[in-house]
Protein backbone atom coordinates (compact mmCIF):
# COMPACT_ATOMS: atom_id res chain seq x y z
CA UNK A 1 0.00 0.00 0.00
CA UNK A 2 2.79 2.39 0.91
CA UNK A 3 4.62 1.75 -2.36
CA UNK A 4 1.44 2.40 -4.33
CA UNK A 5 0.87 5.70 -2.56
CA UNK A 6 4.46 6.79 -3.11
CA UNK A 7 4.37 5.90 -6.81
CA UNK A 8 1.06 7.73 -7.23
CA UNK A 9 2.46 10.81 -5.51
CA UNK A 10 5.55 10.72 -7.72
CA UNK A 11 3.42 10.49 -10.88
CA UNK A 12 1.16 13.30 -9.71
CA UNK A 13 4.11 15.50 -8.75
CA UNK A 14 5.96 15.05 -12.03
CA UNK A 15 2.82 15.55 -14.12
CA UNK A 16 1.85 18.69 -12.19
CA UNK A 17 5.35 20.16 -12.45
CA UNK A 18 5.50 19.50 -16.19
CA UNK A 19 2.05 20.96 -16.73
CA UNK A 20 3.08 24.06 -14.78
CA UNK A 21 6.27 24.47 -16.82
CA UNK A 22 4.47 24.03 -20.14
CA UNK A 23 1.66 26.40 -19.13
CA UNK A 24 4.07 29.04 -17.85
CA UNK A 25 6.12 29.10 -21.07
CA UNK A 26 3.16 29.16 -23.41
CA UNK A 27 2.67 32.34 -25.42
CA UNK A 28 -1.03 33.19 -25.37
CA UNK A 29 -0.68 36.48 -27.23
CA UNK A 30 0.50 35.10 -30.60
CA UNK A 31 -2.14 32.83 -32.11
CA UNK A 32 0.00 31.93 -35.13
CA UNK A 33 2.92 30.40 -33.18
CA UNK A 34 2.26 27.27 -31.18
CA UNK A 35 5.88 26.28 -30.49
CA UNK A 36 4.91 23.42 -28.24
CA UNK A 37 6.37 20.56 -30.30
CA UNK A 38 9.83 20.59 -28.74
CA UNK A 39 8.51 21.28 -25.26
CA UNK A 40 6.06 18.39 -25.45
CA UNK A 41 8.87 16.06 -26.47
CA UNK A 42 10.92 17.28 -23.51
CA UNK A 43 7.90 16.92 -21.22
CA UNK A 44 7.38 13.27 -22.17
CA UNK A 45 10.98 12.32 -21.34
CA UNK A 46 10.68 12.66 -17.52
CA UNK A 47 7.43 10.70 -17.56
CA UNK A 48 9.08 7.94 -19.58
CA UNK A 49 11.99 7.85 -17.12
CA UNK A 50 9.57 7.72 -14.19
CA UNK A 51 7.70 4.86 -15.87
CA UNK A 52 10.95 2.94 -16.40
CA UNK A 53 12.01 3.47 -12.80
CA UNK A 54 8.58 2.39 -11.55
CA UNK A 55 8.66 -0.79 -13.63
CA UNK A 56 12.20 -1.56 -12.45
CA UNK A 57 11.33 -1.05 -8.78
CA UNK A 58 8.16 -3.12 -8.97
CA UNK A 59 9.89 -5.89 -10.92
CA UNK A 60 12.79 -5.90 -8.48
CA UNK A 61 10.69 -5.85 -5.34
CA UNK A 62 8.34 -8.65 -6.30
CA UNK A 63 9.37 -12.24 -6.80
CA UNK A 64 6.92 -12.84 -9.62
CA UNK A 65 8.53 -14.53 -12.59
CA UNK A 66 5.41 -15.44 -14.51
CA UNK A 67 1.66 -15.44 -14.43
CA UNK A 68 1.39 -18.34 -11.96
CA UNK A 69 -0.89 -20.24 -14.31
CA UNK A 70 0.59 -23.65 -14.96
CA UNK A 71 -0.73 -26.57 -16.95
CA UNK A 72 -1.20 -28.92 -14.00
CA UNK A 73 -3.15 -26.29 -12.03
CA UNK A 74 -5.47 -25.72 -14.99
CA UNK A 75 -6.00 -29.45 -15.52
CA UNK A 76 -6.86 -29.99 -11.83
CA UNK A 77 -9.26 -27.05 -11.87
CA UNK A 78 -10.98 -28.18 -15.07
CA UNK A 79 -11.24 -31.75 -13.80
CA UNK A 80 -12.85 -30.56 -10.57
CA UNK A 81 -15.24 -28.26 -12.42
CA UNK A 82 -16.36 -31.02 -14.80
CA UNK A 83 -16.67 -33.49 -11.91
CA UNK A 84 -19.21 -31.19 -10.26
CA UNK A 85 -21.34 -31.06 -13.41
């Protein structure tokens, strides 16, 4: 639970800071010039880094190596389900 809250706060903080920076630099007086292409590309980079760090931390902190669904488990479950029919 604590890890989920911390990751959510990190995502919210980074997204809010990037939105603030993009909004602050935007020129609202010149309708012909958007100029946001480069800034948007730079804004996506920290979010991509945060996503990579989040995936690495979650993958490193959990011992999950697969889905946990194995053939023998499925066969036992199916056999039990059909036996109850």
